[in-house]
Amino acid sequence: MPVRVLAVDDEPEILRTLGMILTAHGYDVVTAKSGEQALSEIARRLPDVILLDLMLPGIDGLDVIAQVRQRSLLPIIVLSARGEELTKVQALDLGADDYLAKPFGAKELLARVRVALRHAAGALNAPVVEFGALRIDFERRAVEVDGTAVTLTPKESAVLLYLVANAGRVVTHRAILREVWGPEYTGETQYLRNIIASLRRKLERDAEHPSYLVTEPGSGYRFRALPT
């Protein structure tokens, strides 16, 4: 059966664009124009992934995320307009998996959907993962670049492993700080910036080693799953 995508947006043109792109690549697309309609569709025919606008009439996107997360880990990709940084971060903290800024291109849309589906299938949870020159052994907590071991501090290791476990997805500052330092440190973003800067120095040694740690302005960080 084809993968079912629920596209939720109150702009008909956005829904038409999403439908054309996804249908052309073999996805089964279901649409909804409001939060209420989205929740009804989810209950009626469970999709494999949701593309969700935040600014919806009636029940807004944040409420939809909260209600879905009460009973499901269904992948949710937020459709974010410029100027919605705070709301976007709230969506990610509520449990959205990723966000796609409007306007978006077909390649980016399809890539984000593929990453969300891989996470849902557990495809990035192997004990050893490789991204180009970078090799990470989760069980041994060992990191290598081009076959050479890289020494990381405990905090550097914890941040990197958390980002890699969520490779391709945006992880908010609050989520990383809560996971690595604890809930009382969710406002200490400078701690995290220092760790990210140190990881970049250790993992991205020259122009031949691509940027693995991508800054998402106003939101957090994304580990580039397929560096170019």
C-alpha atoms as a PDB file:
ATOM      1  CA  MET A   1       0.000   0.000   0.000  1.00  0.00           C
ATOM      2  CA  PRO A   2       1.237   3.530  -0.725  1.00  0.00           C
ATOM      3  CA  VAL A   3       2.333   5.726   2.153  1.00  0.00           C
ATOM      4  CA  ARG A   4      -0.551   7.936   3.284  1.00  0.00           C
ATOM      5  CA  VAL A   5       0.162  11.622   3.946  1.00  0.00           C
ATOM      6  CA  LEU A   6      -2.338  13.908   5.655  1.00  0.00           C
ATOM      7  CA  ALA A   7      -1.793  17.507   4.490  1.00  0.00           C
ATOM      8  CA  VAL A   8      -3.436  20.113   6.727  1.00  0.00           C
ATOM      9  CA  ASP A   9      -3.605  23.756   5.630  1.00  0.00           C
ATOM     10  CA  ASP A  10      -6.345  26.347   5.210  1.00  0.00           C
ATOM     11  CA  GLU A  11      -4.778  27.678   2.002  1.00  0.00           C
ATOM     12  CA  PRO A  12      -6.158  25.786  -1.044  1.00  0.00           C
ATOM     13  CA  GLU A  13      -3.084  26.632  -3.123  1.00  0.00           C
ATOM     14  CA  ILE A  14      -0.760  25.049  -0.550  1.00  0.00           C
ATOM     15  CA  LEU A  15      -2.906  21.915  -0.456  1.00  0.00           C
ATOM     16  CA  ARG A  16      -2.888  21.713  -4.266  1.00  0.00           C
ATOM     17  CA  THR A  17       0.890  22.069  -4.335  1.00  0.00           C
ATOM     18  CA  LEU A  18       1.397  19.420  -1.675  1.00  0.00           C
ATOM     19  CA  GLY A  19      -1.028  17.093  -3.428  1.00  0.00           C
ATOM     20  CA  MET A  20       0.662  17.438  -6.823  1.00  0.00           C
ATOM     21  CA  ILE A  21       4.193  16.903  -5.497  1.00  0.00           C
ATOM     22  CA  LEU A  22       3.382  13.975  -3.247  1.00  0.00           C
ATOM     23  CA  THR A  23       0.988  12.202  -5.610  1.00  0.00           C
ATOM     24  CA  ALA A  24       3.560  12.408  -8.413  1.00  0.00           C
ATOM     25  CA  HIS A  25       5.974  10.481  -6.181  1.00  0.00           C
ATOM     26  CA  GLY A  26       3.582   7.705  -5.269  1.00  0.00           C
ATOM     27  CA  TYR A  27       2.119   8.959  -1.992  1.00  0.00           C
ATOM     28  CA  ASP A  28      -1.566   8.693  -1.116  1.00  0.00           C
ATOM     29  CA  VAL A  29      -2.580  12.233  -0.105  1.00  0.00           C
ATOM     30  CA  VAL A  30      -5.500  13.125   2.171  1.00  0.00           C
ATOM     31  CA  THR A  31      -6.224  16.806   2.873  1.00  0.00           C
ATOM     32  CA  ALA A  32      -7.843  18.803   5.663  1.00  0.00           C
ATOM     33  CA  LYS A  33      -8.511  22.547   5.969  1.00  0.00           C
ATOM     34  CA  SER A  34      -8.944  22.846   9.747  1.00  0.00           C
ATOM     35  CA  GLY A  35      -7.742  21.310  12.985  1.00  0.00           C
ATOM     36  CA  GLU A  36     -11.096  19.661  13.579  1.00  0.00           C
ATOM     37  CA  GLN A  37     -11.085  18.088  10.118  1.00  0.00           C
ATOM     38  CA  ALA A  38      -7.493  16.920  10.618  1.00  0.00           C
ATOM     39  CA  LEU A  39      -8.333  15.124  13.878  1.00  0.00           C
ATOM     40  CA  SER A  40     -11.354  13.547  12.222  1.00  0.00           C
ATOM     41  CA  GLU A  41      -9.226  12.263   9.320  1.00  0.00           C
ATOM     42  CA  ILE A  42      -6.596  10.898  11.705  1.00  0.00           C
ATOM     43  CA  ALA A  43      -9.249   8.955  13.598  1.00  0.00           C
ATOM     44  CA  ARG A  44     -10.969   7.754  10.406  1.00  0.00           C
ATOM     45  CA  ARG A  45      -7.979   6.617   8.354  1.00  0.00           C
ATOM     46  CA  LEU A  46      -4.678   6.792  10.208  1.00  0.00           C
ATOM     47  CA  PRO A  47      -2.008   8.423   8.030  1.00  0.00           C
ATOM     48  CA  ASP A  48       1.680   7.519   8.006  1.00  0.00           C
ATOM     49  CA  VAL A  49       2.828  11.145   8.314  1.00  0.00           C
ATOM     50  CA  ILE A  50       1.169  14.555   8.836  1.00  0.00           C
ATOM     51  CA  LEU A  51       2.089  17.857   7.179  1.00  0.00           C
ATOM     52  CA  LEU A  52       0.549  20.432   9.486  1.00  0.00           C
ATOM     53  CA  ASP A  53       0.081  24.192   9.178  1.00  0.00           C
ATOM     54  CA  LEU A  54       0.036  25.929  12.555  1.00  0.00           C
ATOM     55  CA  MET A  55      -2.327  28.823  11.790  1.00  0.00           C
ATOM     56  CA  LEU A  56      -5.629  27.013  11.341  1.00  0.00           C
ATOM     57  CA  PRO A  57      -9.225  28.095  11.961  1.00  0.00           C
ATOM     58  CA  GLY A  58     -10.809  26.623  15.082  1.00  0.00           C
ATOM     59  CA  ILE A  59      -8.420  24.134  16.670  1.00  0.00           C
ATOM     60  CA  ASP A  60      -4.953  25.409  15.750  1.00  0.00           C
ATOM     61  CA  GLY A  61      -1.897  23.372  14.832  1.00  0.00           C
ATOM     62  CA  LEU A  62      -0.434  23.399  18.339  1.00  0.00           C
ATOM     63  CA  ASP A  63      -3.619  21.867  19.749  1.00  0.00           C
ATOM     64  CA  VAL A  64      -3.605  19.245  17.009  1.00  0.00           C
ATOM     65  CA  ILE A  65      -0.030  18.268  17.904  1.00  0.00           C
ATOM     66  CA  ALA A  66      -0.888  18.064  21.607  1.00  0.00           C
ATOM     67  CA  GLN A  67      -3.943  15.880  20.963  1.00  0.00           C
ATOM     68  CA  VAL A  68      -2.110  13.568  18.564  1.00  0.00           C
ATOM     69  CA  ARG A  69       0.813  13.155  20.976  1.00  0.00           C
ATOM     70  CA  GLN A  70      -1.537  12.052  23.748  1.00  0.00           C
ATOM     71  CA  ARG A  71      -2.100   8.797  21.886  1.00  0.00           C
ATOM     72  CA  SER A  72       0.378   8.437  19.023  1.00  0.00           C
ATOM     73  CA  LEU A  73       3.984   8.921  17.855  1.00  0.00           C
ATOM     74  CA  LEU A  74       2.739   9.583  14.328  1.00  0.00           C
ATOM     75  CA  PRO A  75       5.352  11.713  12.477  1.00  0.00           C
ATOM     76  CA  ILE A  76       4.356  15.395  12.275  1.00  0.00           C
ATOM     77  CA  ILE A  77       6.078  17.926  10.027  1.00  0.00           C
ATOM     78  CA  VAL A  78       5.034  21.509  10.719  1.00  0.00           C
ATOM     79  CA  LEU A  79       4.455  23.891   7.799  1.00  0.00           C
ATOM     80  CA  SER A  80       5.904  27.137   9.111  1.00  0.00           C
ATOM     81  CA  ALA A  81       5.510  30.645   7.688  1.00  0.00           C
ATOM     82  CA  ARG A  82       8.189  33.269   8.150  1.00  0.00           C
ATOM     83  CA  GLY A  83       7.855  35.180  11.409  1.00  0.00           C
ATOM     84  CA  GLU A  84       6.487  32.178  13.366  1.00  0.00           C
ATOM     85  CA  GLU A  85       9.749  31.246  15.118  1.00  0.00           C
ATOM     86  CA  LEU A  86       8.305  31.198  18.630  1.00  0.00           C
ATOM     87  CA  THR A  87       5.256  29.171  17.598  1.00  0.00           C
ATOM     88  CA  LYS A  88       7.488  26.826  15.611  1.00  0.00           C
ATOM     89  CA  VAL A  89       9.619  26.151  18.698  1.00  0.00           C
ATOM     90  CA  GLN A  90       6.473  25.524  20.738  1.00  0.00           C
ATOM     91  CA  ALA A  91       5.381  22.997  18.121  1.00  0.00           C
ATOM     92  CA  LEU A  92       8.706  21.175  18.267  1.00  0.00           C
ATOM     93  CA  ASP A  93       8.635  21.127  22.070  1.00  0.00           C
ATOM     94  CA  LEU A  94       5.101  19.708  21.974  1.00  0.00           C
ATOM     95  CA  GLY A  95       6.357  16.784  19.900  1.00  0.00           C
ATOM     96  CA  ALA A  96       6.424  17.814  16.238  1.00  0.00           C
ATOM     97  CA  ASP A  97       9.222  15.971  14.437  1.00  0.00           C
ATOM     98  CA  ASP A  98      10.351  18.668  12.037  1.00  0.00           C
ATOM     99  CA  TYR A  99       9.326  21.846  10.267  1.00  0.00           C
ATOM    100  CA  LEU A 100       9.257  22.996   6.663  1.00  0.00           C
ATOM    101  CA  ALA A 101       9.418  26.724   6.002  1.00  0.00           C
ATOM    102  CA  LYS A 102       7.101  28.245   3.431  1.00  0.00           C
ATOM    103  CA  PRO A 103       7.699  28.639   0.561  1.00  0.00           C
ATOM    104  CA  PHE A 104       9.292  25.215   0.121  1.00  0.00           C
ATOM    105  CA  GLY A 105      10.685  23.271  -2.807  1.00  0.00           C
ATOM    106  CA  ALA A 106       9.625  19.807  -3.928  1.00  0.00           C
ATOM    107  CA  LYS A 107      13.009  18.214  -3.160  1.00  0.00           C
ATOM    108  CA  GLU A 108      13.088  19.590   0.373  1.00  0.00           C
ATOM    109  CA  LEU A 109       9.508  18.485   1.031  1.00  0.00           C
ATOM    110  CA  LEU A 110      10.183  14.945  -0.176  1.00  0.00           C
ATOM    111  CA  ALA A 111      13.434  14.717   1.796  1.00  0.00           C
ATOM    112  CA  ARG A 112      11.728  15.784   5.045  1.00  0.00           C
ATOM    113  CA  VAL A 113       8.956  13.239   4.512  1.00  0.00           C
ATOM    114  CA  ARG A 114      11.489  10.457   3.895  1.00  0.00           C
ATOM    115  CA  VAL A 115      13.420  11.331   7.072  1.00  0.00           C
ATOM    116  CA  ALA A 116      10.227  11.376   9.147  1.00  0.00           C
ATOM    117  CA  LEU A 117       9.220   7.983   7.804  1.00  0.00           C
ATOM    118  CA  ARG A 118      12.675   6.511   8.473  1.00  0.00           C
ATOM    119  CA  HIS A 119      12.486   7.675  12.079  1.00  0.00           C
ATOM    120  CA  ALA A 120       9.028   6.194  12.451  1.00  0.00           C
ATOM    121  CA  ALA A 121      10.388   2.880  11.175  1.00  0.00           C
ATOM    122  CA  GLY A 122      13.386   3.047  13.523  1.00  0.00           C
ATOM    123  CA  ALA A 123      15.836   3.026  10.600  1.00  0.00           C
ATOM    124  CA  LEU A 124      18.259   5.440  12.305  1.00  0.00           C
ATOM    125  CA  ASN A 125      18.457   3.552  15.590  1.00  0.00           C
ATOM    126  CA  ALA A 126      21.193   1.078  14.612  1.00  0.00           C
ATOM    127  CA  PRO A 127      24.031   0.525  17.142  1.00  0.00           C
ATOM    128  CA  VAL A 128      26.591   1.824  14.616  1.00  0.00           C
ATOM    129  CA  VAL A 129      25.865   4.581  12.094  1.00  0.00           C
ATOM    130  CA  GLU A 130      28.015   6.221   9.438  1.00  0.00           C
ATOM    131  CA  PHE A 131      27.610   9.604   7.762  1.00  0.00           C
ATOM    132  CA  GLY A 132      30.350  10.135   5.206  1.00  0.00           C
ATOM    133  CA  ALA A 133      33.678  10.186   7.079  1.00  0.00           C
ATOM    134  CA  LEU A 134      31.948  10.127  10.465  1.00  0.00           C
ATOM    135  CA  ARG A 135      31.354   6.814  12.265  1.00  0.00           C
ATOM    136  CA  ILE A 136      29.499   6.597  15.579  1.00  0.00           C
ATOM    137  CA  ASP A 137      29.177   3.508  17.763  1.00  0.00           C
ATOM    138  CA  PHE A 138      26.275   4.080  20.166  1.00  0.00           C
ATOM    139  CA  GLU A 139      27.009   1.059  22.356  1.00  0.00           C
ATOM    140  CA  ARG A 140      30.679   1.981  22.909  1.00  0.00           C
ATOM    141  CA  ARG A 141      29.974   5.746  22.716  1.00  0.00           C
ATOM    142  CA  ALA A 142      32.920   5.903  20.317  1.00  0.00           C
ATOM    143  CA  VAL A 143      33.352   8.432  17.502  1.00  0.00           C
ATOM    144  CA  GLU A 144      35.728   8.279  14.528  1.00  0.00           C
ATOM    145  CA  VAL A 145      36.453  10.631  11.634  1.00  0.00           C
ATOM    146  CA  ASP A 146      38.212   9.013   8.646  1.00  0.00           C
ATOM    147  CA  GLY A 147      39.057   6.050  10.871  1.00  0.00           C
ATOM    148  CA  THR A 148      40.713   8.182  13.552  1.00  0.00           C
ATOM    149  CA  ALA A 149      39.224   8.168  17.051  1.00  0.00           C
ATOM    150  CA  VAL A 150      37.907  11.498  18.285  1.00  0.00           C
ATOM    151  CA  THR A 151      38.024  12.216  22.023  1.00  0.00           C
ATOM    152  CA  LEU A 152      34.861  13.871  23.310  1.00  0.00           C
ATOM    153  CA  THR A 153      33.933  15.100  26.764  1.00  0.00           C
ATOM    154  CA  PRO A 154      30.911  13.415  28.379  1.00  0.00           C
ATOM    155  CA  LYS A 155      28.686  16.412  27.549  1.00  0.00           C
ATOM    156  CA  GLU A 156      29.956  16.593  23.949  1.00  0.00           C
ATOM    157  CA  SER A 157      29.289  12.887  23.545  1.00  0.00           C
ATOM    158  CA  ALA A 158      25.791  13.164  25.034  1.00  0.00           C
ATOM    159  CA  VAL A 159      24.831  16.107  22.795  1.00  0.00           C
ATOM    160  CA  LEU A 160      26.189  14.447  19.653  1.00  0.00           C
ATOM    161  CA  LEU A 161      24.509  11.112  20.346  1.00  0.00           C
ATOM    162  CA  TYR A 162      21.177  12.828  21.035  1.00  0.00           C
ATOM    163  CA  LEU A 163      21.375  14.811  17.781  1.00  0.00           C
ATOM    164  CA  VAL A 164      22.403  11.740  15.768  1.00  0.00           C
ATOM    165  CA  ALA A 165      19.555   9.714  17.276  1.00  0.00           C
ATOM    166  CA  ASN A 166      17.300  12.414  15.800  1.00  0.00           C
ATOM    167  CA  ALA A 167      19.300  12.808  12.580  1.00  0.00           C
ATOM    168  CA  GLY A 168      17.615  14.961   9.965  1.00  0.00           C
ATOM    169  CA  ARG A 169      15.163  16.436  12.470  1.00  0.00           C
ATOM    170  CA  VAL A 170      15.200  19.779  14.243  1.00  0.00           C
ATOM    171  CA  VAL A 171      15.910  19.427  17.966  1.00  0.00           C
ATOM    172  CA  THR A 172      15.171  22.527  20.028  1.00  0.00           C
ATOM    173  CA  HIS A 173      17.613  24.119  22.456  1.00  0.00           C
ATOM    174  CA  ARG A 174      15.238  23.309  25.323  1.00  0.00           C
ATOM    175  CA  ALA A 175      14.995  19.646  24.325  1.00  0.00           C
ATOM    176  CA  ILE A 176      18.784  19.184  24.163  1.00  0.00           C
ATOM    177  CA  LEU A 177      19.409  21.040  27.419  1.00  0.00           C
ATOM    178  CA  ARG A 178      16.668  19.072  29.179  1.00  0.00           C
ATOM    179  CA  GLU A 179      18.023  15.759  27.863  1.00  0.00           C
ATOM    180  CA  VAL A 180      21.725  16.377  28.542  1.00  0.00           C
ATOM    181  CA  TRP A 181      21.874  18.820  31.474  1.00  0.00           C
ATOM    182  CA  GLY A 182      18.464  18.355  33.087  1.00  0.00           C
ATOM    183  CA  PRO A 183      15.142  20.260  33.254  1.00  0.00           C
ATOM    184  CA  GLU A 184      16.557  23.031  35.448  1.00  0.00           C
ATOM    185  CA  TYR A 185      19.001  24.031  32.670  1.00  0.00           C
ATOM    186  CA  THR A 186      16.575  24.601  29.783  1.00  0.00           C
ATOM    187  CA  GLY A 187      17.401  28.319  29.662  1.00  0.00           C
ATOM    188  CA  GLU A 188      21.199  27.928  29.628  1.00  0.00           C
ATOM    189  CA  THR A 189      21.660  28.137  25.854  1.00  0.00           C
ATOM    190  CA  GLN A 190      25.266  29.350  26.136  1.00  0.00           C
ATOM    191  CA  TYR A 191      26.262  25.950  27.577  1.00  0.00           C
ATOM    192  CA  LEU A 192      24.887  24.337  24.434  1.00  0.00           C
ATOM    193  CA  ARG A 193      26.498  26.848  22.053  1.00  0.00           C
ATOM    194  CA  ASN A 194      29.896  26.133  23.591  1.00  0.00           C
ATOM    195  CA  ILE A 195      29.444  22.385  23.159  1.00  0.00           C
ATOM    196  CA  ILE A 196      28.292  22.732  19.547  1.00  0.00           C
ATOM    197  CA  ALA A 197      31.280  24.967  18.731  1.00  0.00           C
ATOM    198  CA  SER A 198      33.640  22.389  20.251  1.00  0.00           C
ATOM    199  CA  LEU A 199      32.005  19.507  18.351  1.00  0.00           C
ATOM    200  CA  ARG A 200      32.347  21.398  15.087  1.00  0.00           C
ATOM    201  CA  ARG A 201      36.075  21.923  15.701  1.00  0.00           C
ATOM    202  CA  LYS A 202      36.559  18.219  16.402  1.00  0.00           C
ATOM    203  CA  LEU A 203      34.336  16.728  13.683  1.00  0.00           C
ATOM    204  CA  GLU A 204      34.645  19.184  10.817  1.00  0.00           C
ATOM    205  CA  ARG A 205      38.395  19.430  10.451  1.00  0.00           C
ATOM    206  CA  ASP A 206      38.670  20.846   6.945  1.00  0.00           C
ATOM    207  CA  ALA A 207      36.695  21.572   3.777  1.00  0.00           C
ATOM    208  CA  GLU A 208      36.593  17.852   2.934  1.00  0.00           C
ATOM    209  CA  HIS A 209      34.486  17.183   6.033  1.00  0.00           C
ATOM    210  CA  PRO A 210      31.003  18.657   5.565  1.00  0.00           C
ATOM    211  CA  SER A 211      29.028  20.481   8.200  1.00  0.00           C
ATOM    212  CA  TYR A 212      27.155  17.849  10.192  1.00  0.00           C
ATOM    213  CA  LEU A 213      25.758  20.202  12.825  1.00  0.00           C
ATOM    214  CA  VAL A 214      23.350  22.651  11.236  1.00  0.00           C
ATOM    215  CA  THR A 215      22.045  25.651  13.155  1.00  0.00           C
ATOM    216  CA  GLU A 216      18.320  26.255  12.758  1.00  0.00           C
ATOM    217  CA  PRO A 217      17.983  29.974  13.634  1.00  0.00           C
ATOM    218  CA  GLY A 218      15.631  30.607  16.529  1.00  0.00           C
ATOM    219  CA  SER A 219      14.895  26.905  16.971  1.00  0.00           C
ATOM    220  CA  GLY A 220      17.832  24.634  17.705  1.00  0.00           C
ATOM    221  CA  TYR A 221      20.062  22.265  15.761  1.00  0.00           C
ATOM    222  CA  ARG A 222      19.760  19.590  13.112  1.00  0.00           C
ATOM    223  CA  PHE A 223      22.249  16.795  12.514  1.00  0.00           C
ATOM    224  CA  ARG A 224      22.606  16.564   8.747  1.00  0.00           C
ATOM    225  CA  ALA A 225      21.678  12.948   8.018  1.00  0.00           C
ATOM    226  CA  LEU A 226      22.967  12.967   4.461  1.00  0.00           C
ATOM    227  CA  PRO A 227      25.712  15.584   4.233  1.00  0.00           C
ATOM    228  CA  THR A 228      26.536  16.989   0.805  1.00  0.00           C
END
